[in-house]
Protein backbone atom coordinates (compact mmCIF):
# COMPACT_ATOMS: atom_id res chain seq x y z
CA MET A 1 -40.03 -10.92 1.98
CA ALA A 2 -38.31 -10.91 5.35
CA THR A 3 -36.77 -7.68 6.58
CA ILE A 4 -34.12 -6.82 9.13
CA THR A 5 -35.02 -4.34 11.82
CA GLY A 6 -32.83 -2.79 14.46
CA ALA A 7 -32.98 -0.94 17.74
CA LEU A 8 -32.83 2.57 16.26
CA SER A 9 -35.52 4.71 14.70
CA GLY A 10 -36.11 8.26 13.56
CA ASP A 11 -33.25 10.75 13.72
CA ALA A 12 -30.98 8.33 15.57
CA ARG A 13 -31.30 5.79 12.75
CA LYS A 14 -30.65 8.48 10.11
CA ILE A 15 -27.53 9.82 11.86
CA VAL A 16 -26.10 6.34 12.40
CA ALA A 17 -26.93 5.25 8.84
CA GLU A 18 -25.07 8.27 7.43
CA ALA A 19 -22.08 7.66 9.69
CA LEU A 20 -21.85 3.98 8.82
CA GLN A 21 -22.32 4.51 5.08
CA GLY A 22 -19.71 7.28 5.05
CA ALA A 23 -17.28 5.06 6.94
CA LEU A 24 -17.96 2.20 4.54
CA VAL A 25 -17.24 4.39 1.51
CA ASP A 26 -14.02 5.70 3.08
CA LEU A 27 -12.81 2.22 3.98
CA ILE A 28 -13.62 0.59 0.66
CA ASP A 29 -11.99 3.38 -1.33
CA LEU A 30 -9.03 3.46 1.05
CA SER A 31 -8.48 -0.24 0.34
CA LEU A 32 -8.69 0.43 -3.41
CA VAL A 33 -6.29 3.38 -3.52
CA ALA A 34 -3.84 1.58 -1.23
CA LYS A 35 -3.87 -1.44 -3.54
CA GLN A 36 -3.36 0.87 -6.55
CA ALA A 37 -0.30 2.40 -4.89
CA HIS A 38 0.89 -1.08 -3.84
CA TRP A 39 1.05 -2.08 -7.50
CA ASN A 40 2.68 1.15 -8.69
CA VAL A 41 5.17 2.20 -6.00
CA ILE A 42 8.77 2.50 -7.15
CA GLY A 43 12.00 3.62 -5.54
CA ALA A 44 14.58 2.61 -2.98
CA HIS A 45 11.90 1.91 -0.36
CA PHE A 46 9.69 -0.13 -2.69
CA ARG A 47 9.65 -3.34 -0.67
CA PRO A 48 8.69 -1.99 2.78
CA LEU A 49 6.07 0.35 1.26
CA HIS A 50 4.70 -2.44 -0.92
CA LEU A 51 4.18 -4.53 2.23
CA GLN A 52 2.92 -1.59 4.33
CA LEU A 53 0.29 -0.77 1.71
CA ASP A 54 -0.96 -4.36 1.82
CA GLU A 55 -1.26 -4.04 5.60
CA LEU A 56 -3.34 -0.90 5.11
CA VAL A 57 -5.55 -2.73 2.58
CA ALA A 58 -6.14 -5.54 5.09
CA VAL A 59 -7.05 -3.10 7.89
CA ALA A 60 -9.45 -1.17 5.64
CA ARG A 61 -11.13 -4.33 4.30
CA GLU A 62 -11.57 -5.87 7.74
CA HIS A 63 -13.14 -2.71 9.12
CA ALA A 64 -15.31 -2.23 6.02
CA ASP A 65 -16.86 -5.64 6.65
CA THR A 66 -17.44 -4.87 10.34
CA VAL A 67 -19.01 -1.48 9.52
CA ALA A 68 -21.30 -3.02 6.87
CA GLU A 69 -22.37 -5.79 9.22
CA ARG A 70 -23.13 -3.26 11.96
CA ALA A 71 -25.37 -1.42 9.51
CA VAL A 72 -27.21 -4.63 8.65
CA ALA A 73 -27.64 -5.46 12.35
CA LEU A 74 -29.44 -2.12 12.69
CA GLY A 75 -31.66 -2.77 9.66
CA ILE A 76 -29.68 -0.37 7.47
CA ASN A 77 -28.66 -1.48 3.98
CA PRO A 78 -24.95 -0.85 3.40
CA ASP A 79 -24.02 0.11 -0.16
CA GLY A 80 -20.55 -0.88 -1.25
CA ARG A 81 -21.22 -0.96 -5.00
CA ALA A 82 -18.52 0.48 -7.23
CA ALA A 83 -20.83 3.20 -8.57
CA THR A 84 -21.74 4.26 -5.03
CA ILE A 85 -18.11 4.40 -3.94
CA SER A 86 -17.09 6.28 -7.08
CA GLY A 87 -19.92 8.76 -6.78
CA SER A 88 -19.55 9.56 -3.10
CA THR A 89 -15.92 9.07 -2.09
CA LYS A 90 -14.04 11.87 -0.40
CA VAL A 91 -10.77 9.90 -0.34
CA GLN A 92 -7.98 11.76 -2.14
CA GLN A 93 -6.91 9.80 -5.21
CA PRO A 94 -3.22 9.03 -5.83
CA GLU A 95 -1.71 10.02 -9.14
CA HIS A 96 -1.85 7.67 -12.12
CA GLY A 97 1.13 5.54 -13.10
CA TRP A 98 4.33 4.85 -11.22
CA ILE A 99 4.56 6.66 -7.91
CA GLU A 100 7.92 7.39 -6.29
CA ASP A 101 8.20 6.01 -2.76
CA GLY A 102 8.47 9.45 -1.14
CA LYS A 103 5.35 10.60 -2.96
CA VAL A 104 3.49 7.47 -1.75
CA VAL A 105 4.41 8.30 1.85
CA ALA A 106 3.28 11.92 1.48
CA THR A 107 0.10 10.97 -0.37
CA PHE A 108 -0.97 8.34 2.14
CA THR A 109 -0.16 10.58 5.07
CA ASP A 110 -2.59 13.11 3.55
CA ILE A 111 -5.19 10.49 2.59
CA LEU A 112 -5.21 9.05 6.09
CA GLU A 113 -5.48 12.52 7.65
CA GLY A 114 -8.70 13.06 5.68
CA VAL A 115 -10.11 9.67 6.63
CA ILE A 116 -9.26 10.27 10.29
CA ARG A 117 -10.95 13.68 10.28
CA ARG A 118 -14.15 12.20 8.83
CA MET A 119 -14.03 9.21 11.21
CA ARG A 120 -13.67 11.50 14.21
CA ASP A 121 -16.67 13.50 13.00
CA ARG A 122 -18.63 10.24 12.83
CA VAL A 123 -17.49 9.26 16.32
CA ALA A 124 -18.80 12.59 17.62
CA ALA A 125 -22.07 12.30 15.66
CA THR A 126 -22.88 8.81 17.00
CA ASP A 127 -22.17 9.57 20.67
CA GLU A 128 -25.80 10.22 21.59
CA PRO A 129 -27.81 8.18 19.07
CA ASP A 130 -25.83 4.93 19.31
CA PRO A 131 -22.84 4.40 21.62
CA VAL A 132 -22.39 0.87 20.23
CA THR A 133 -21.77 2.21 16.73
CA GLN A 134 -19.62 4.95 18.22
CA ASP A 135 -17.47 2.29 19.89
CA LEU A 136 -17.03 0.50 16.57
CA LEU A 137 -16.05 3.76 14.86
CA ILE A 138 -13.58 4.51 17.66
CA ALA A 139 -11.87 1.17 16.97
CA VAL A 140 -11.73 1.95 13.24
CA THR A 141 -10.28 5.39 13.95
CA GLN A 142 -7.68 3.93 16.31
CA ASP A 143 -6.39 1.55 13.63
CA ILE A 144 -6.41 4.22 10.90
CA GLU A 145 -4.53 6.60 13.21
CA LYS A 146 -1.91 3.88 13.77
CA GLN A 147 -1.51 3.49 10.00
CA HIS A 148 -1.22 7.27 9.67
CA TRP A 149 1.55 7.34 12.27
CA MET A 150 3.45 4.62 10.42
CA PHE A 151 3.33 6.51 7.12
CA GLN A 152 3.99 9.89 8.73
CA ALA A 153 7.10 8.55 10.49
CA GLN A 154 8.70 7.96 7.09
CA ARG A 155 8.51 11.59 5.95
C-alpha cells in the first residue's frame, strides 16, 4: 500500500497534526451549526440572516477542505467523520427548534468568538514547526473574524 509522507517529523508533525485536526473539527461543525440555524431562523430579519448563514457555511466548508488537504500533503490523515466531529467538537451548539433572529445573531457572535480564539491558538502553535500551515490558519482566522464582525455588527 502506498503512503503519503510530508516534510515534518517528530514534535513538529504532532503539533501541526493537532492544529490541523482541531481546525478541521471546528470548521466542519461550524458549517453544520450554521446550516441548522439557517433552516430554523425566524423573525423580522429572517431573510438576511438566512443568506448570511449560508455564506458562513460556504466559508467554513471551503476552509475545511483546504485544511484537510494541507494535512494530507504533510502525510497526516484528516478525520472528518461524524463520530469524530461529535466526540471532539468545542463549537457551542445552538438551541433546538426555531431560533429568533436576535438569538441567532448573539449565538453566532459567541460561536465565532470561540472558533477565533482556538484558531489564534493554532496560529501561535504552528509558528515555529510549520510556517506554511501557520499561513493557512491565518487565512482561515481572517475569514472567520470577518464573519464574526458581520454578525457582531447586528447586535
